[in-house]
Amino acid sequence: MEEQKTSDSKDALGYFKNGIWLFGLSSWVFGITDRSIASFADGYLSALDLTQLFTAATFFVAWLFLKPVSKA
């Protein structure tokens, strides 16, 4: 019985981690899209716009590497 409780808590923690990761993923996609639209709205890219886009893209790629691993 104790083993089942441990397994259930690990499953719940896994679902929680995946949920946070998916929420973060959608947030980063929204943020990069928003930053891109704002950067291109005035017709040209400034150095600040490029820096912001590069920083957001770098953090997005880092977030992709943080995906929780499911253990079967």
PDB file of N, CA and C in Angstrom:
ATOM      1  N   MET A   1       0.825  -1.192   0.000  1.00  0.00           N
ATOM      2  CA  MET A   1       0.000   0.000   0.000  1.00  0.00           C
ATOM      3  C   MET A   1       0.873   1.262   0.000  1.00  0.00           C
ATOM      4  N   GLU A   2       1.956   1.221   0.759  1.00  0.00           N
ATOM      5  CA  GLU A   2       2.858   2.371   0.827  1.00  0.00           C
ATOM      6  C   GLU A   2       3.504   2.641  -0.527  1.00  0.00           C
ATOM      7  N   GLU A   3       3.807   1.565  -1.268  1.00  0.00           N
ATOM      8  CA  GLU A   3       4.424   1.716  -2.577  1.00  0.00           C
ATOM      9  C   GLU A   3       3.469   2.414  -3.552  1.00  0.00           C
ATOM     10  N   GLN A   4       2.181   2.126  -3.441  1.00  0.00           N
ATOM     11  CA  GLN A   4       1.200   2.759  -4.318  1.00  0.00           C
ATOM     12  C   GLN A   4       1.104   4.261  -4.027  1.00  0.00           C
ATOM     13  N   LYS A   5       1.162   4.659  -2.753  1.00  0.00           N
ATOM     14  CA  LYS A   5       1.110   6.078  -2.395  1.00  0.00           C
ATOM     15  C   LYS A   5       2.327   6.810  -2.956  1.00  0.00           C
ATOM     16  N   THR A   6       3.482   6.178  -2.870  1.00  0.00           N
ATOM     17  CA  THR A   6       4.699   6.785  -3.400  1.00  0.00           C
ATOM     18  C   THR A   6       4.602   6.946  -4.910  1.00  0.00           C
ATOM     19  N   SER A   7       4.084   5.933  -5.571  1.00  0.00           N
ATOM     20  CA  SER A   7       3.928   5.988  -7.017  1.00  0.00           C
ATOM     21  C   SER A   7       2.934   7.070  -7.418  1.00  0.00           C
ATOM     22  N   ASP A   8       1.837   7.184  -6.677  1.00  0.00           N
ATOM     23  CA  ASP A   8       0.842   8.206  -6.979  1.00  0.00           C
ATOM     24  C   ASP A   8       1.397   9.613  -6.783  1.00  0.00           C
ATOM     25  N   SER A   9       2.177   9.805  -5.731  1.00  0.00           N
ATOM     26  CA  SER A   9       2.743  11.134  -5.493  1.00  0.00           C
ATOM     27  C   SER A   9       3.782  11.485  -6.557  1.00  0.00           C
ATOM     28  N   LYS A  10       4.544  10.477  -7.018  1.00  0.00           N
ATOM     29  CA  LYS A  10       5.504  10.730  -8.093  1.00  0.00           C
ATOM     30  C   LYS A  10       4.791  11.069  -9.389  1.00  0.00           C
ATOM     31  N   ASP A  11       3.666  10.385  -9.663  1.00  0.00           N
ATOM     32  CA  ASP A  11       2.886  10.689 -10.858  1.00  0.00           C
ATOM     33  C   ASP A  11       2.331  12.102 -10.789  1.00  0.00           C
ATOM     34  N   ALA A  12       1.802  12.489  -9.632  1.00  0.00           N
ATOM     35  CA  ALA A  12       1.241  13.826  -9.467  1.00  0.00           C
ATOM     36  C   ALA A  12       2.326  14.890  -9.630  1.00  0.00           C
ATOM     37  N   LEU A  13       3.493  14.637  -9.068  1.00  0.00           N
ATOM     38  CA  LEU A  13       4.599  15.581  -9.203  1.00  0.00           C
ATOM     39  C   LEU A  13       5.042  15.685 -10.665  1.00  0.00           C
ATOM     40  N   GLY A  14       5.050  14.574 -11.376  1.00  0.00           N
ATOM     41  CA  GLY A  14       5.403  14.579 -12.797  1.00  0.00           C
ATOM     42  C   GLY A  14       4.419  15.387 -13.619  1.00  0.00           C
ATOM     43  N   TYR A  15       3.115  15.218 -13.348  1.00  0.00           N
ATOM     44  CA  TYR A  15       2.100  15.999 -14.056  1.00  0.00           C
ATOM     45  C   TYR A  15       2.240  17.484 -13.741  1.00  0.00           C
ATOM     46  N   PHE A  16       2.562  17.789 -12.500  1.00  0.00           N
ATOM     47  CA  PHE A  16       2.746  19.185 -12.089  1.00  0.00           C
ATOM     48  C   PHE A  16       3.933  19.816 -12.813  1.00  0.00           C
ATOM     49  N   LYS A  17       5.050  19.081 -12.873  1.00  0.00           N
ATOM     50  CA  LYS A  17       6.236  19.579 -13.583  1.00  0.00           C
ATOM     51  C   LYS A  17       5.940  19.798 -15.061  1.00  0.00           C
ATOM     52  N   ASN A  18       5.260  18.846 -15.678  1.00  0.00           N
ATOM     53  CA  ASN A  18       4.914  18.993 -17.091  1.00  0.00           C
ATOM     54  C   ASN A  18       3.975  20.171 -17.313  1.00  0.00           C
ATOM     55  N   GLY A  19       3.050  20.384 -16.405  1.00  0.00           N
ATOM     56  CA  GLY A  19       2.129  21.507 -16.519  1.00  0.00           C
ATOM     57  C   GLY A  19       2.846  22.835 -16.438  1.00  0.00           C
ATOM     58  N   ILE A  20       3.774  22.946 -15.500  1.00  0.00           N
ATOM     59  CA  ILE A  20       4.560  24.187 -15.379  1.00  0.00           C
ATOM     60  C   ILE A  20       5.405  24.393 -16.631  1.00  0.00           C
ATOM     61  N   TRP A  21       6.004  23.318 -17.139  1.00  0.00           N
ATOM     62  CA  TRP A  21       6.840  23.447 -18.329  1.00  0.00           C
ATOM     63  C   TRP A  21       6.004  23.881 -19.531  1.00  0.00           C
ATOM     64  N   LEU A  22       4.817  23.303 -19.709  1.00  0.00           N
ATOM     65  CA  LEU A  22       3.961  23.688 -20.830  1.00  0.00           C
ATOM     66  C   LEU A  22       3.483  25.131 -20.703  1.00  0.00           C
ATOM     67  N   PHE A  23       3.164  25.549 -19.483  1.00  0.00           N
ATOM     68  CA  PHE A  23       2.761  26.938 -19.268  1.00  0.00           C
ATOM     69  C   PHE A  23       3.917  27.880 -19.613  1.00  0.00           C
ATOM     70  N   GLY A  24       5.123  27.537 -19.187  1.00  0.00           N
ATOM     71  CA  GLY A  24       6.295  28.345 -19.509  1.00  0.00           C
ATOM     72  C   GLY A  24       6.566  28.376 -21.000  1.00  0.00           C
ATOM     73  N   LEU A  25       6.390  27.237 -21.655  1.00  0.00           N
ATOM     74  CA  LEU A  25       6.597  27.160 -23.099  1.00  0.00           C
ATOM     75  C   LEU A  25       5.643  28.098 -23.830  1.00  0.00           C
ATOM     76  N   SER A  26       4.372  28.047 -23.474  1.00  0.00           N
ATOM     77  CA  SER A  26       3.404  28.928 -24.132  1.00  0.00           C
ATOM     78  C   SER A  26       3.683  30.397 -23.802  1.00  0.00           C
ATOM     79  N   SER A  27       4.163  30.673 -22.600  1.00  0.00           N
ATOM     80  CA  SER A  27       4.501  32.046 -22.226  1.00  0.00           C
ATOM     81  C   SER A  27       5.673  32.568 -23.048  1.00  0.00           C
ATOM     82  N   TRP A  28       6.691  31.737 -23.241  1.00  0.00           N
ATOM     83  CA  TRP A  28       7.843  32.161 -24.032  1.00  0.00           C
ATOM     84  C   TRP A  28       7.463  32.381 -25.490  1.00  0.00           C
ATOM     85  N   VAL A  29       6.633  31.507 -26.038  1.00  0.00           N
ATOM     86  CA  VAL A  29       6.198  31.685 -27.426  1.00  0.00           C
ATOM     87  C   VAL A  29       5.411  32.983 -27.567  1.00  0.00           C
ATOM     88  N   PHE A  30       4.516  33.247 -26.615  1.00  0.00           N
ATOM     89  CA  PHE A  30       3.770  34.497 -26.645  1.00  0.00           C
ATOM     90  C   PHE A  30       4.698  35.697 -26.528  1.00  0.00           C
ATOM     91  N   GLY A  31       5.652  35.625 -25.616  1.00  0.00           N
ATOM     92  CA  GLY A  31       6.581  36.734 -25.404  1.00  0.00           C
ATOM     93  C   GLY A  31       7.429  37.033 -26.628  1.00  0.00           C
ATOM     94  N   ILE A  32       7.943  35.986 -27.272  1.00  0.00           N
ATOM     95  CA  ILE A  32       8.757  36.193 -28.470  1.00  0.00           C
ATOM     96  C   ILE A  32       7.898  36.748 -29.607  1.00  0.00           C
ATOM     97  N   THR A  33       6.686  36.237 -29.743  1.00  0.00           N
ATOM     98  CA  THR A  33       5.787  36.755 -30.769  1.00  0.00           C
ATOM     99  C   THR A  33       5.456  38.219 -30.524  1.00  0.00           C
ATOM    100  N   ASP A  34       5.136  38.552 -29.287  1.00  0.00           N
ATOM    101  CA  ASP A  34       4.819  39.936 -28.934  1.00  0.00           C
ATOM    102  C   ASP A  34       6.006  40.862 -29.188  1.00  0.00           C
ATOM    103  N   ARG A  35       7.197  40.430 -28.787  1.00  0.00           N
ATOM    104  CA  ARG A  35       8.405  41.235 -28.982  1.00  0.00           C
ATOM    105  C   ARG A  35       8.704  41.408 -30.464  1.00  0.00           C
ATOM    106  N   SER A  36       8.478  40.360 -31.265  1.00  0.00           N
ATOM    107  CA  SER A  36       8.718  40.442 -32.706  1.00  0.00           C
ATOM    108  C   SER A  36       7.766  41.427 -33.368  1.00  0.00           C
ATOM    109  N   ILE A  37       6.498  41.358 -33.021  1.00  0.00           N
ATOM    110  CA  ILE A  37       5.513  42.285 -33.586  1.00  0.00           C
ATOM    111  C   ILE A  37       5.855  43.718 -33.194  1.00  0.00           C
ATOM    112  N   ALA A  38       6.217  43.923 -31.932  1.00  0.00           N
ATOM    113  CA  ALA A  38       6.574  45.269 -31.481  1.00  0.00           C
ATOM    114  C   ALA A  38       7.836  45.768 -32.176  1.00  0.00           C
ATOM    115  N   SER A  39       8.776  44.885 -32.438  1.00  0.00           N
ATOM    116  CA  SER A  39      10.026  45.293 -33.086  1.00  0.00           C
ATOM    117  C   SER A  39       9.822  45.683 -34.542  1.00  0.00           C
ATOM    118  N   PHE A  40       8.971  44.947 -35.235  1.00  0.00           N
ATOM    119  CA  PHE A  40       8.755  45.202 -36.654  1.00  0.00           C
ATOM    120  C   PHE A  40       7.648  46.218 -36.920  1.00  0.00           C
ATOM    121  N   ALA A  41       6.969  46.684 -35.892  1.00  0.00           N
ATOM    122  CA  ALA A  41       5.839  47.598 -36.074  1.00  0.00           C
ATOM    123  C   ALA A  41       6.267  48.936 -36.660  1.00  0.00           C
ATOM    124  N   ASP A  42       7.439  49.413 -36.294  1.00  0.00           N
ATOM    125  CA  ASP A  42       7.870  50.724 -36.780  1.00  0.00           C
ATOM    126  C   ASP A  42       8.664  50.652 -38.085  1.00  0.00           C
ATOM    127  N   GLY A  43       8.887  49.482 -38.614  1.00  0.00           N
ATOM    128  CA  GLY A  43       9.501  49.352 -39.920  1.00  0.00           C
ATOM    129  C   GLY A  43      10.995  49.096 -39.932  1.00  0.00           C
ATOM    130  N   TYR A  44      11.663  49.229 -38.816  1.00  0.00           N
ATOM    131  CA  TYR A  44      13.092  48.940 -38.796  1.00  0.00           C
ATOM    132  C   TYR A  44      13.475  48.349 -37.444  1.00  0.00           C
ATOM    133  N   LEU A  45      14.595  47.641 -37.408  1.00  0.00           N
ATOM    134  CA  LEU A  45      15.086  47.026 -36.187  1.00  0.00           C
ATOM    135  C   LEU A  45      16.231  47.847 -35.610  1.00  0.00           C
ATOM    136  N   SER A  46      16.113  48.205 -34.368  1.00  0.00           N
ATOM    137  CA  SER A  46      17.209  48.902 -33.700  1.00  0.00           C
ATOM    138  C   SER A  46      18.085  47.873 -32.979  1.00  0.00           C
ATOM    139  N   ALA A  47      19.194  48.323 -32.462  1.00  0.00           N
ATOM    140  CA  ALA A  47      20.084  47.435 -31.715  1.00  0.00           C
ATOM    141  C   ALA A  47      19.392  46.918 -30.452  1.00  0.00           C
ATOM    142  N   LEU A  48      18.577  47.764 -29.838  1.00  0.00           N
ATOM    143  CA  LEU A  48      17.847  47.342 -28.639  1.00  0.00           C
ATOM    144  C   LEU A  48      16.827  46.258 -28.975  1.00  0.00           C
ATOM    145  N   ASP A  49      16.132  46.409 -30.100  1.00  0.00           N
ATOM    146  CA  ASP A  49      15.164  45.390 -30.525  1.00  0.00           C
ATOM    147  C   ASP A  49      15.857  44.050 -30.775  1.00  0.00           C
ATOM    148  N   LEU A  50      16.976  44.093 -31.448  1.00  0.00           N
ATOM    149  CA  LEU A  50      17.715  42.855 -31.718  1.00  0.00           C
ATOM    150  C   LEU A  50      18.220  42.207 -30.435  1.00  0.00           C
ATOM    151  N   THR A  51      18.678  43.028 -29.506  1.00  0.00           N
ATOM    152  CA  THR A  51      19.147  42.498 -28.218  1.00  0.00           C
ATOM    153  C   THR A  51      18.013  41.834 -27.458  1.00  0.00           C
ATOM    154  N   GLN A  52      16.851  42.465 -27.443  1.00  0.00           N
ATOM    155  CA  GLN A  52      15.704  41.886 -26.741  1.00  0.00           C
ATOM    156  C   GLN A  52      15.252  40.584 -27.389  1.00  0.00           C
ATOM    157  N   LEU A  53      15.202  40.556 -28.711  1.00  0.00           N
ATOM    158  CA  LEU A  53      14.810  39.328 -29.404  1.00  0.00           C
ATOM    159  C   LEU A  53      15.819  38.205 -29.182  1.00  0.00           C
ATOM    160  N   PHE A  54      17.095  38.531 -29.250  1.00  0.00           N
ATOM    161  CA  PHE A  54      18.134  37.523 -29.033  1.00  0.00           C
ATOM    162  C   PHE A  54      18.076  36.980 -27.606  1.00  0.00           C
ATOM    163  N   THR A  55      17.871  37.859 -26.637  1.00  0.00           N
ATOM    164  CA  THR A  55      17.788  37.423 -25.242  1.00  0.00           C
ATOM    165  C   THR A  55      16.575  36.520 -25.024  1.00  0.00           C
ATOM    166  N   ALA A  56      15.427  36.915 -25.548  1.00  0.00           N
ATOM    167  CA  ALA A  56      14.215  36.101 -25.398  1.00  0.00           C
ATOM    168  C   ALA A  56      14.378  34.747 -26.083  1.00  0.00           C
ATOM    169  N   ALA A  57      14.975  34.742 -27.267  1.00  0.00           N
ATOM    170  CA  ALA A  57      15.182  33.478 -27.976  1.00  0.00           C
ATOM    171  C   ALA A  57      16.155  32.567 -27.228  1.00  0.00           C
ATOM    172  N   THR A  58      17.181  33.156 -26.628  1.00  0.00           N
ATOM    173  CA  THR A  58      18.143  32.365 -25.856  1.00  0.00           C
ATOM    174  C   THR A  58      17.483  31.720 -24.644  1.00  0.00           C
ATOM    175  N   PHE A  59      16.688  32.492 -23.926  1.00  0.00           N
ATOM    176  CA  PHE A  59      15.982  31.934 -22.767  1.00  0.00           C
ATOM    177  C   PHE A  59      14.955  30.883 -23.196  1.00  0.00           C
ATOM    178  N   PHE A  60      14.336  31.080 -24.347  1.00  0.00           N
ATOM    179  CA  PHE A  60      13.378  30.096 -24.855  1.00  0.00           C
ATOM    180  C   PHE A  60      14.071  28.764 -25.137  1.00  0.00           C
ATOM    181  N   VAL A  61      15.215  28.810 -25.785  1.00  0.00           N
ATOM    182  CA  VAL A  61      15.962  27.577 -26.070  1.00  0.00           C
ATOM    183  C   VAL A  61      16.399  26.916 -24.762  1.00  0.00           C
ATOM    184  N   ALA A  62      16.826  27.714 -23.793  1.00  0.00           N
ATOM    185  CA  ALA A  62      17.199  27.158 -22.485  1.00  0.00           C
ATOM    186  C   ALA A  62      16.001  26.491 -21.835  1.00  0.00           C
ATOM    187  N   TRP A  63      14.830  27.103 -21.973  1.00  0.00           N
ATOM    188  CA  TRP A  63      13.605  26.522 -21.393  1.00  0.00           C
ATOM    189  C   TRP A  63      13.285  25.178 -22.044  1.00  0.00           C
ATOM    190  N   LEU A  64      13.531  25.057 -23.334  1.00  0.00           N
ATOM    191  CA  LEU A  64      13.286  23.787 -24.018  1.00  0.00           C
ATOM    192  C   LEU A  64      14.148  22.667 -23.436  1.00  0.00           C
ATOM    193  N   PHE A  65      15.373  22.993 -23.038  1.00  0.00           N
ATOM    194  CA  PHE A  65      16.259  21.987 -22.448  1.00  0.00           C
ATOM    195  C   PHE A  65      15.861  21.612 -21.027  1.00  0.00           C
ATOM    196  N   LEU A  66      14.983  22.384 -20.403  1.00  0.00           N
ATOM    197  CA  LEU A  66      14.548  22.097 -19.035  1.00  0.00           C
ATOM    198  C   LEU A  66      13.323  21.188 -18.990  1.00  0.00           C
ATOM    199  N   LYS A  67      12.933  20.621 -20.108  1.00  0.00           N
ATOM    200  CA  LYS A  67      11.750  19.759 -20.144  1.00  0.00           C
ATOM    201  C   LYS A  67      11.932  18.587 -19.167  1.00  0.00           C
ATOM    202  N   PRO A  68      10.915  18.369 -18.316  1.00  0.00           N
ATOM    203  CA  PRO A  68      11.012  17.249 -17.373  1.00  0.00           C
ATOM    204  C   PRO A  68      11.031  15.916 -18.112  1.00  0.00           C
ATOM    205  N   VAL A  69      11.797  14.988 -17.583  1.00  0.00           N
ATOM    206  CA  VAL A  69      11.924  13.657 -18.185  1.00  0.00           C
ATOM    207  C   VAL A  69      10.919  12.734 -17.509  1.00  0.00           C
ATOM    208  N   SER A  70      10.129  12.047 -18.316  1.00  0.00           N
ATOM    209  CA  SER A  70       9.177  11.092 -17.734  1.00  0.00           C
ATOM    210  C   SER A  70       9.861   9.741 -17.600  1.00  0.00           C
ATOM    211  N   LYS A  71       9.746   9.163 -16.427  1.00  0.00           N
ATOM    212  CA  LYS A  71      10.356   7.858 -16.160  1.00  0.00           C
ATOM    213  C   LYS A  71       9.267   6.794 -16.189  1.00  0.00           C
ATOM    214  N   ALA A  72       9.358   5.917 -17.155  1.00  0.00           N
ATOM    215  CA  ALA A  72       8.324   4.893 -17.329  1.00  0.00           C
ATOM    216  C   ALA A  72       8.579   3.694 -16.477  1.00  0.00           C
TER     217      ALA A  72
END
